[in-house]
Amino acid sequence: MSKILIRGAKVLGGESQDVLVDGETIEAVGTGLSAEGAEVIEAEGRILLPGLVDLHTHLREPGREDSETVLTGTRAAAVGGFTAVHAMANTFPVADTAGVVEQVWRLGRASGYCDVQPIGAVTVGLEGKQLAELGAMHDSAAGVKVFSDDGKCVHDAVIMRRALEYVKAFDGVVAQHAQEPRLTEGAQMNEGVVSSELGLGGWPAVAEESIIARDVLLAAHVGSRVHICHLSTAGSVEIVRWAKSKGWNVTAEVTPHHLLLTDELVRTYNPVYKVNPPLRTETDVMALREALADGTIDCVATDHAPHPHEDKDCEWAAAAMGMVGLETALSVVQQTMVDTGLVDWAVVADRMSFRPAAIGRLAGHGRPIAAGEPANLTLLDPAYRGEVDPAGFASRSRNTPYEGRELPGRVTHTFLRGRATVVDGKLA
């Protein structure tokens, strides 16, 4: 592996510096660096970030390879600037055993585009009735630390308590999809003015908030770690903020689409906007942005949820919930958080690399851009503007809510341990 000299990049958006990569590690960071025979990347005006880490990715393999595979999903991740993703457990079969999580982990290693850390199911078959093999999944080659029934809520308080107690033994975390099932039966969108006018079943904010309130109390009671998936309401923000003020071990994520889109888009009846949790109100969107800026929400997670064309090109009620997000996440964060002046690029590095890697206990990622550190890097051109064209996606699916929308920023290069996975915006 040859040396690479990234010249004149704004490291974390700060002063322009040179970064010399030798093999899998960063050899030096400074000004006026040179190295005989090194490949030189002229990066003036570009932002250099640590490789992005996604805590919430649906890769669909095994079982739904018509939507996505580990290979196509990790290609999409690389294009989006990610060097590591956490793969959710709602596959077929469910990732509730050591065998399945090891399969996903090995597929990730074979792909070579980014590291894949499997997330194990909390309960057998995601059915919420019996704890899955948490210890065996942790002890497997995949080394699972995060467990989630995402797609479904661990709604039984006793099961949730037992899971929180169990993962304490190896510093694990339970990531909760906060959705009280009885309050969301038949729900099609956010409960509010728009749902009333459209006559669609409402998904009330309290269905999310009540589970979060219960689970932060349970985590405090047993002294364990809980992570809130795709937090989406202003009320949820206040509960997490309160829990953190108590010193409890609670973390939370927000998706890019919940930072930008609102339930007003559902008036189009376009199923591309159907997602769980649903798009909320403008008030919720603004509260989420402020909470991400002040650190109440720890990180951005894509909830990349690919679906084949036939599962979205249908009437609203029959459509699957979910959106692809890996390839547009950084652009949406730039538009909603950086270009609005809420945060700078150093904060983006914290919320999209440092913190998600720390929450997932993912070694080698979320590291400083400094000599001796792994060369997991993302180079971004923030001045770029372009319309989103899903026909060019690396993902196998095309269900993006941003088709035809102009977004800022483009990842020009991604490096996984010193090896380029993306060059000039194209897969290497």
Protein backbone atom coordinates (compact mmCIF):
# COMPACT_ATOMS: atom_id res chain seq x y z
CA MET A 1 0.00 0.00 0.00
CA SER A 2 1.58 3.25 -1.14
CA LYS A 3 1.79 6.49 0.76
CA ILE A 4 -0.93 9.08 0.28
CA LEU A 5 -0.48 12.79 0.89
CA ILE A 6 -3.69 14.76 1.35
CA ARG A 7 -2.57 18.33 0.84
CA GLY A 8 -4.26 21.47 2.16
CA ALA A 9 -7.46 19.98 3.61
CA LYS A 10 -9.32 21.73 6.43
CA VAL A 11 -9.01 19.15 9.18
CA LEU A 12 -12.37 19.07 11.01
CA GLY A 13 -13.12 22.32 9.21
CA GLY A 14 -10.23 24.16 10.87
CA GLU A 15 -6.88 25.30 9.50
CA SER A 16 -5.60 23.84 6.23
CA GLN A 17 -3.13 21.05 6.88
CA ASP A 18 -1.42 18.19 5.11
CA VAL A 19 -2.09 14.62 6.18
CA LEU A 20 0.36 11.88 5.26
CA VAL A 21 -0.96 8.32 5.25
CA ASP A 22 1.46 5.40 5.24
CA GLY A 23 -0.18 2.01 4.92
CA GLU A 24 -3.07 1.68 7.37
CA THR A 25 -2.13 4.58 9.63
CA ILE A 26 -1.67 8.32 9.62
CA GLU A 27 2.06 9.05 9.66
CA ALA A 28 1.98 12.83 10.10
CA VAL A 29 -0.29 15.86 10.21
CA GLY A 30 1.14 19.33 9.60
CA THR A 31 2.01 21.91 6.97
CA GLY A 32 4.50 21.60 4.14
CA LEU A 33 4.63 17.81 4.36
CA SER A 34 6.19 15.83 1.55
CA ALA A 35 6.90 12.18 0.85
CA GLU A 36 8.81 10.74 -2.04
CA GLY A 37 6.61 8.62 -4.28
CA ALA A 38 3.41 9.43 -2.40
CA GLU A 39 0.13 9.80 -4.25
CA VAL A 40 -0.89 13.44 -3.79
CA ILE A 41 -4.50 14.54 -3.39
CA GLU A 42 -4.91 18.30 -3.73
CA ALA A 43 -7.64 19.05 -1.17
CA GLU A 44 -7.74 22.84 -0.94
CA GLY A 45 -11.16 24.01 0.26
CA ARG A 46 -12.24 20.52 1.25
CA ILE A 47 -13.12 19.25 4.73
CA LEU A 48 -11.28 16.23 6.16
CA LEU A 49 -13.26 14.25 8.73
CA PRO A 50 -12.66 10.96 10.50
CA GLY A 51 -14.45 8.11 8.73
CA LEU A 52 -18.16 8.30 9.52
CA VAL A 53 -19.80 5.64 11.70
CA ASP A 54 -23.47 4.67 11.40
CA LEU A 55 -25.16 3.11 14.42
CA HIS A 56 -28.30 2.14 12.51
CA THR A 57 -28.13 0.46 9.09
CA HIS A 58 -30.38 -2.15 7.54
CA LEU A 59 -28.32 -4.29 5.17
CA ARG A 60 -31.16 -6.83 4.69
CA GLU A 61 -28.84 -9.80 4.19
CA PRO A 62 -29.59 -12.63 4.88
CA GLY A 63 -33.09 -13.00 3.54
CA ARG A 64 -33.98 -9.80 1.67
CA GLU A 65 -31.24 -9.56 -0.89
CA ASP A 66 -33.78 -8.07 -3.31
CA SER A 67 -33.60 -4.90 -1.18
CA GLU A 68 -29.90 -4.80 -0.29
CA THR A 69 -26.91 -7.00 0.35
CA VAL A 70 -23.96 -6.49 2.64
CA LEU A 71 -21.86 -5.74 -0.44
CA THR A 72 -24.22 -3.16 -2.00
CA GLY A 73 -25.00 -1.62 1.38
CA THR A 74 -21.34 -1.16 2.27
CA ARG A 75 -20.68 0.33 -1.16
CA ALA A 76 -23.44 2.85 -0.45
CA ALA A 77 -21.88 3.50 2.95
CA ALA A 78 -18.47 4.19 1.41
CA VAL A 79 -19.97 6.62 -1.11
CA GLY A 80 -21.58 8.43 1.82
CA GLY A 81 -18.25 8.71 3.66
CA PHE A 82 -18.81 5.88 6.16
CA THR A 83 -16.04 3.54 7.19
CA ALA A 84 -18.16 1.51 9.64
CA VAL A 85 -21.82 0.61 9.96
CA HIS A 86 -23.84 -1.29 12.54
CA ALA A 87 -26.13 -3.80 10.83
CA MET A 88 -29.60 -4.19 12.36
CA ALA A 89 -30.92 -7.59 13.35
CA ASN A 90 -34.27 -7.69 11.51
CA THR A 91 -33.02 -10.02 8.78
CA PHE A 92 -34.44 -13.41 7.67
CA PRO A 93 -33.47 -15.37 9.69
CA VAL A 94 -33.30 -12.83 12.51
CA ALA A 95 -29.81 -12.12 13.84
CA ASP A 96 -30.62 -13.63 17.24
CA THR A 97 -27.90 -16.29 17.34
CA ALA A 98 -24.11 -16.36 17.17
CA GLY A 99 -24.30 -18.08 13.78
CA VAL A 100 -26.27 -15.34 12.06
CA VAL A 101 -24.28 -12.41 13.46
CA GLU A 102 -21.06 -14.16 12.47
CA GLN A 103 -22.41 -14.63 8.94
CA VAL A 104 -23.13 -10.90 8.62
CA TRP A 105 -19.75 -10.01 10.12
CA ARG A 106 -17.90 -12.27 7.67
CA LEU A 107 -19.85 -10.87 4.71
CA GLY A 108 -18.76 -7.41 5.85
CA ARG A 109 -15.12 -8.44 5.99
CA ALA A 110 -15.40 -9.92 2.49
CA SER A 111 -16.95 -6.76 1.03
CA GLY A 112 -13.98 -4.57 1.89
CA TYR A 113 -15.83 -1.26 1.52
CA CYS A 114 -16.42 -0.58 5.21
CA ASP A 115 -16.41 -2.42 8.51
CA VAL A 116 -19.70 -4.10 9.43
CA GLN A 117 -20.53 -4.54 13.11
CA PRO A 118 -23.65 -6.70 13.54
CA ILE A 119 -26.30 -5.72 16.08
CA GLY A 120 -27.91 -8.68 17.80
CA ALA A 121 -31.62 -9.08 18.49
CA VAL A 122 -32.79 -8.55 22.07
CA THR A 123 -35.47 -11.23 21.86
CA VAL A 124 -35.85 -14.47 19.91
CA GLY A 125 -37.32 -13.74 16.50
CA LEU A 126 -37.93 -10.10 17.52
CA GLU A 127 -41.09 -11.42 19.16
CA GLY A 128 -40.53 -9.73 22.53
CA LYS A 129 -41.17 -12.89 24.54
CA GLN A 130 -37.82 -14.49 25.33
CA LEU A 131 -34.29 -13.08 25.52
CA ALA A 132 -32.08 -14.05 22.60
CA GLU A 133 -28.57 -15.51 22.98
CA LEU A 134 -27.03 -12.20 24.07
CA GLY A 135 -23.96 -13.72 25.70
CA ALA A 136 -23.27 -16.11 22.82
CA MET A 137 -23.53 -13.29 20.28
CA HIS A 138 -21.12 -11.20 22.34
CA ASP A 139 -18.67 -14.09 22.65
CA SER A 140 -18.85 -14.88 18.93
CA ALA A 141 -16.32 -13.74 16.34
CA ALA A 142 -18.63 -10.77 15.68
CA GLY A 143 -18.14 -9.49 19.26
CA VAL A 144 -21.63 -8.00 19.48
CA LYS A 145 -21.99 -5.12 21.95
CA VAL A 146 -25.27 -3.52 20.77
CA PHE A 147 -28.63 -5.30 20.86
CA SER A 148 -31.90 -4.12 19.35
CA ASP A 149 -35.25 -5.43 18.15
CA ASP A 150 -35.42 -2.40 15.85
CA GLY A 151 -38.47 -2.51 13.65
CA LYS A 152 -40.26 -3.63 16.79
CA CYS A 153 -40.26 -2.31 20.34
CA VAL A 154 -39.22 -4.35 23.36
CA HIS A 155 -42.58 -3.46 24.87
CA ASP A 156 -42.53 -5.84 27.86
CA ALA A 157 -40.97 -3.95 30.79
CA VAL A 158 -39.73 -7.16 32.44
CA ILE A 159 -38.00 -8.37 29.28
CA MET A 160 -36.43 -4.93 28.82
CA ARG A 161 -35.20 -4.92 32.40
CA ARG A 162 -33.68 -8.39 32.02
CA ALA A 163 -31.90 -7.35 28.82
CA LEU A 164 -30.45 -4.25 30.47
CA GLU A 165 -29.25 -6.36 33.39
CA TYR A 166 -27.72 -9.00 31.12
CA VAL A 167 -25.65 -6.67 28.93
CA LYS A 168 -24.02 -5.07 31.99
CA ALA A 169 -21.76 -8.12 32.20
CA PHE A 170 -19.86 -7.09 29.07
CA ASP A 171 -20.54 -3.33 28.88
CA GLY A 172 -23.20 -3.81 26.23
CA VAL A 173 -26.05 -1.50 25.31
CA VAL A 174 -29.70 -2.07 24.48
CA ALA A 175 -30.89 0.14 21.60
CA GLN A 176 -34.63 0.65 21.83
CA HIS A 177 -37.09 1.26 19.01
CA ALA A 178 -39.47 3.33 21.15
CA GLN A 179 -42.98 2.55 19.98
CA GLU A 180 -45.80 1.53 22.32
CA PRO A 181 -47.58 -1.00 20.05
CA ARG A 182 -51.10 -0.53 21.43
CA LEU A 183 -50.94 3.21 20.78
CA THR A 184 -49.84 2.76 17.17
CA GLU A 185 -52.17 0.05 15.87
CA GLY A 186 -53.06 0.95 12.29
CA ALA A 187 -50.85 4.04 12.38
CA GLN A 188 -49.85 5.44 8.99
CA MET A 189 -48.27 8.80 9.82
CA ASN A 190 -47.73 11.33 12.61
CA GLU A 191 -50.88 12.01 14.62
CA GLY A 192 -51.79 15.66 14.25
CA VAL A 193 -53.45 18.21 12.02
CA VAL A 194 -52.31 16.64 8.76
CA SER A 195 -53.39 13.09 9.71
CA SER A 196 -56.81 14.43 10.70
CA GLU A 197 -57.22 16.25 7.40
CA LEU A 198 -56.05 13.27 5.35
CA GLY A 199 -57.97 10.69 7.35
CA LEU A 200 -54.89 8.54 7.95
CA GLY A 201 -54.30 6.62 11.17
CA GLY A 202 -52.16 8.63 13.57
CA TRP A 203 -48.87 7.65 15.28
CA PRO A 204 -48.94 9.86 18.41
CA ALA A 205 -45.80 11.37 19.90
CA VAL A 206 -46.70 9.86 23.27
CA ALA A 207 -46.26 6.35 21.84
CA GLU A 208 -42.55 7.14 21.53
CA GLU A 209 -42.19 9.28 24.61
CA SER A 210 -43.83 6.85 27.03
CA ILE A 211 -41.41 4.05 26.11
CA ILE A 212 -38.39 6.36 26.37
CA ALA A 213 -39.53 7.54 29.81
CA ARG A 214 -39.96 3.96 31.00
CA ASP A 215 -36.63 2.80 29.62
CA VAL A 216 -34.46 5.61 30.98
CA LEU A 217 -35.96 4.84 34.40
CA LEU A 218 -35.23 1.13 33.96
CA ALA A 219 -31.65 1.83 32.85
CA ALA A 220 -31.10 4.01 35.90
CA HIS A 221 -32.65 1.40 38.17
CA VAL A 222 -30.34 -1.42 37.05
CA GLY A 223 -27.32 0.80 36.30
CA SER A 224 -27.11 -0.15 32.63
CA ARG A 225 -26.80 1.54 29.23
CA VAL A 226 -29.78 2.32 27.00
CA HIS A 227 -29.65 3.94 23.57
CA ILE A 228 -32.73 5.50 21.97
CA CYS A 229 -33.06 4.78 18.25
CA HIS A 230 -34.32 7.41 15.77
CA LEU A 231 -35.69 9.86 18.36
CA SER A 232 -38.29 12.02 16.58
CA THR A 233 -40.29 14.32 18.88
CA ALA A 234 -39.70 17.45 20.92
CA GLY A 235 -41.10 15.63 23.96
CA SER A 236 -38.59 12.80 23.54
CA VAL A 237 -35.80 15.37 23.53
CA GLU A 238 -36.98 16.73 26.89
CA ILE A 239 -37.10 13.25 28.45
CA VAL A 240 -33.57 12.43 27.28
CA ARG A 241 -32.33 15.83 28.45
CA TRP A 242 -33.86 15.19 31.88
CA ALA A 243 -32.35 11.70 32.09
CA LYS A 244 -28.91 13.03 31.22
CA SER A 245 -29.24 15.76 33.86
CA LYS A 246 -29.58 12.91 36.36
CA GLY A 247 -26.30 11.43 35.19
CA TRP A 248 -27.96 8.32 33.81
CA ASN A 249 -26.28 6.32 31.05
CA VAL A 250 -28.65 7.28 28.24
CA THR A 251 -27.73 8.08 24.64
CA ALA A 252 -29.88 8.91 21.63
CA GLU A 253 -29.71 9.25 17.86
CA VAL A 254 -31.59 11.24 15.23
CA THR A 255 -31.94 10.46 11.54
CA PRO A 256 -31.12 12.92 8.76
CA HIS A 257 -34.70 12.78 7.46
CA HIS A 258 -36.12 13.79 10.84
CA LEU A 259 -33.79 16.82 10.75
CA LEU A 260 -35.18 18.03 7.43
CA LEU A 261 -38.58 16.64 6.44
CA THR A 262 -42.02 17.17 8.01
CA ASP A 263 -45.41 15.46 7.91
CA GLU A 264 -46.66 18.12 5.48
CA LEU A 265 -45.00 16.02 2.74
CA VAL A 266 -47.50 13.23 3.38
CA ARG A 267 -50.13 15.40 1.66
CA THR A 268 -48.60 14.14 -1.61
CA TYR A 269 -49.55 10.56 -0.65
CA ASN A 270 -46.14 9.56 -2.01
CA PRO A 271 -45.11 6.43 -0.07
CA VAL A 272 -41.45 7.49 -0.25
CA TYR A 273 -42.30 9.65 2.78
CA LYS A 274 -43.69 6.73 4.78
CA VAL A 275 -41.26 5.88 7.58
CA ASN A 276 -41.17 4.62 11.17
CA PRO A 277 -41.12 6.68 13.31
CA PRO A 278 -43.09 8.98 11.01
CA LEU A 279 -42.10 12.40 9.80
CA ARG A 280 -43.17 14.85 12.51
CA THR A 281 -43.96 18.58 12.65
CA GLU A 282 -41.79 21.63 12.01
CA THR A 283 -41.71 22.21 15.79
CA ASP A 284 -40.28 18.71 16.29
CA VAL A 285 -37.71 19.22 13.53
CA MET A 286 -36.41 22.43 15.12
CA ALA A 287 -36.25 20.78 18.57
CA LEU A 288 -34.25 17.88 17.13
CA ARG A 289 -31.77 20.23 15.46
CA GLU A 290 -31.23 22.19 18.68
CA ALA A 291 -30.83 18.97 20.68
CA LEU A 292 -28.26 17.60 18.24
CA ALA A 293 -26.37 20.89 18.42
CA ASP A 294 -26.27 21.02 22.23
CA GLY A 295 -25.40 17.32 22.59
CA THR A 296 -28.66 16.13 24.13
CA ILE A 297 -28.92 13.93 21.04
CA ASP A 298 -25.56 12.19 20.77
CA CYS A 299 -25.35 11.25 17.14
CA VAL A 300 -26.81 11.09 13.67
CA ALA A 301 -27.78 7.60 12.48
CA THR A 302 -29.16 6.97 9.01
CA ASP A 303 -31.74 4.21 9.66
CA HIS A 304 -30.89 3.27 6.06
CA ALA A 305 -33.93 1.14 5.15
CA PRO A 306 -33.82 -0.07 1.55
CA HIS A 307 -36.94 -1.49 -0.12
CA PRO A 308 -37.51 -2.86 -3.64
CA HIS A 309 -39.51 -0.77 -6.09
CA GLU A 310 -42.71 -2.77 -5.72
CA ASP A 311 -42.82 -2.22 -1.94
CA LYS A 312 -42.91 1.56 -2.39
CA ASP A 313 -44.58 2.08 -5.77
CA CYS A 314 -48.07 1.29 -4.47
CA GLU A 315 -50.90 2.87 -2.49
CA TRP A 316 -49.88 4.53 0.77
CA ALA A 317 -51.52 2.04 3.15
CA ALA A 318 -49.81 -0.97 1.52
CA ALA A 319 -46.35 0.60 1.25
CA ALA A 320 -43.39 -0.46 3.38
CA MET A 321 -41.96 1.99 5.89
CA GLY A 322 -38.42 3.27 5.43
CA MET A 323 -35.96 5.33 3.40
CA VAL A 324 -32.44 4.82 2.13
CA GLY A 325 -30.03 7.27 3.73
CA LEU A 326 -26.36 6.32 3.65
CA GLU A 327 -25.44 8.22 0.48
CA THR A 328 -27.19 11.48 1.43
CA ALA A 329 -26.71 11.65 5.22
CA LEU A 330 -23.71 13.98 5.30
CA SER A 331 -25.29 16.35 2.77
CA VAL A 332 -28.50 16.60 4.81
CA VAL A 333 -26.49 17.28 7.98
CA GLN A 334 -24.52 19.99 6.16
CA GLN A 335 -27.76 21.64 4.99
CA THR A 336 -29.65 21.45 8.29
CA MET A 337 -26.85 21.89 10.82
CA VAL A 338 -23.71 23.43 9.28
CA ASP A 339 -25.12 25.78 6.65
CA THR A 340 -27.66 27.05 9.21
CA GLY A 341 -24.84 27.91 11.64
CA LEU A 342 -26.01 25.54 14.37
CA VAL A 343 -22.75 23.55 14.41
CA ASP A 344 -19.32 23.54 12.82
CA TRP A 345 -17.53 20.65 11.15
CA ALA A 346 -15.79 19.62 14.38
CA VAL A 347 -19.21 19.00 15.90
CA VAL A 348 -20.23 17.01 12.81
CA ALA A 349 -17.15 14.83 13.35
CA ASP A 350 -18.25 14.31 16.95
CA ARG A 351 -21.87 13.45 16.11
CA MET A 352 -21.16 11.29 13.06
CA SER A 353 -17.90 9.57 14.02
CA PHE A 354 -16.57 10.00 17.56
CA ARG A 355 -19.79 9.50 19.51
CA PRO A 356 -21.39 6.69 17.48
CA ALA A 357 -18.12 4.74 17.61
CA ALA A 358 -17.95 5.27 21.37
CA ILE A 359 -21.58 4.21 21.91
CA GLY A 360 -21.01 1.05 19.87
CA ARG A 361 -17.61 0.43 21.52
CA LEU A 362 -16.16 0.17 18.02
CA ALA A 363 -12.37 0.05 18.22
CA GLY A 364 -10.34 1.73 15.48
CA HIS A 365 -13.11 4.11 14.43
CA GLY A 366 -14.10 7.52 15.68
CA ARG A 367 -10.45 8.34 16.28
CA PRO A 368 -8.67 11.72 16.02
CA ILE A 369 -6.94 12.73 12.81
CA ALA A 370 -3.46 12.49 14.29
CA ALA A 371 -0.17 10.67 13.80
CA GLY A 372 -0.37 7.01 14.74
CA GLU A 373 -4.14 6.77 14.37
CA PRO A 374 -5.92 4.46 11.89
CA ALA A 375 -6.34 6.11 8.49
CA ASN A 376 -10.14 5.98 8.39
CA LEU A 377 -10.89 9.27 6.65
CA THR A 378 -13.59 11.12 4.72
CA LEU A 379 -12.85 14.04 2.40
CA LEU A 380 -15.78 16.32 1.57
CA ASP A 381 -16.26 19.16 -0.92
CA PRO A 382 -18.70 21.45 0.96
CA ALA A 383 -19.08 23.87 -1.96
CA TYR A 384 -20.64 21.25 -4.22
CA ARG A 385 -24.35 21.57 -5.03
CA GLY A 386 -26.28 18.96 -6.95
CA GLU A 387 -29.64 17.30 -7.40
CA VAL A 388 -30.10 13.86 -5.88
CA ASP A 389 -30.41 11.22 -8.61
CA PRO A 390 -31.17 7.78 -7.18
CA ALA A 391 -30.35 6.16 -10.53
CA GLY A 392 -26.70 6.68 -9.62
CA PHE A 393 -26.93 5.19 -6.12
CA ALA A 394 -24.62 2.38 -5.07
CA SER A 395 -27.44 0.97 -2.95
CA ARG A 396 -29.59 -1.71 -4.55
CA SER A 397 -32.73 0.28 -3.63
CA ARG A 398 -33.88 3.73 -4.72
CA ASN A 399 -36.43 4.75 -2.06
CA THR A 400 -34.98 8.17 -1.27
CA PRO A 401 -37.16 11.12 -0.22
CA TYR A 402 -34.64 13.51 -1.78
CA GLU A 403 -34.98 12.63 -5.47
CA GLY A 404 -34.66 15.84 -7.50
CA ARG A 405 -33.86 17.89 -4.40
CA GLU A 406 -30.67 19.96 -4.41
CA LEU A 407 -28.37 19.10 -1.52
CA PRO A 408 -24.97 20.55 -0.62
CA GLY A 409 -21.68 18.75 -0.24
CA ARG A 410 -20.17 15.69 -1.87
CA VAL A 411 -17.83 13.05 -0.49
CA THR A 412 -14.88 12.97 -2.88
CA HIS A 413 -12.72 10.39 -1.10
CA THR A 414 -13.21 7.75 1.58
CA PHE A 415 -10.31 5.80 3.07
CA LEU A 416 -10.67 2.58 5.08
CA ARG A 417 -7.41 1.98 6.95
CA GLY A 418 -5.48 3.84 4.29
CA ARG A 419 -7.10 2.16 1.31
CA ALA A 420 -9.29 4.31 -0.92
CA THR A 421 -12.84 2.99 -1.21
CA VAL A 422 -14.08 6.13 -2.98
CA VAL A 423 -12.02 8.31 -5.34
CA ASP A 424 -13.37 11.51 -6.92
CA GLY A 425 -16.86 10.60 -5.77
CA LYS A 426 -16.81 7.17 -7.40
CA LEU A 427 -16.32 3.72 -5.92
CA ALA A 428 -12.69 2.67 -6.12
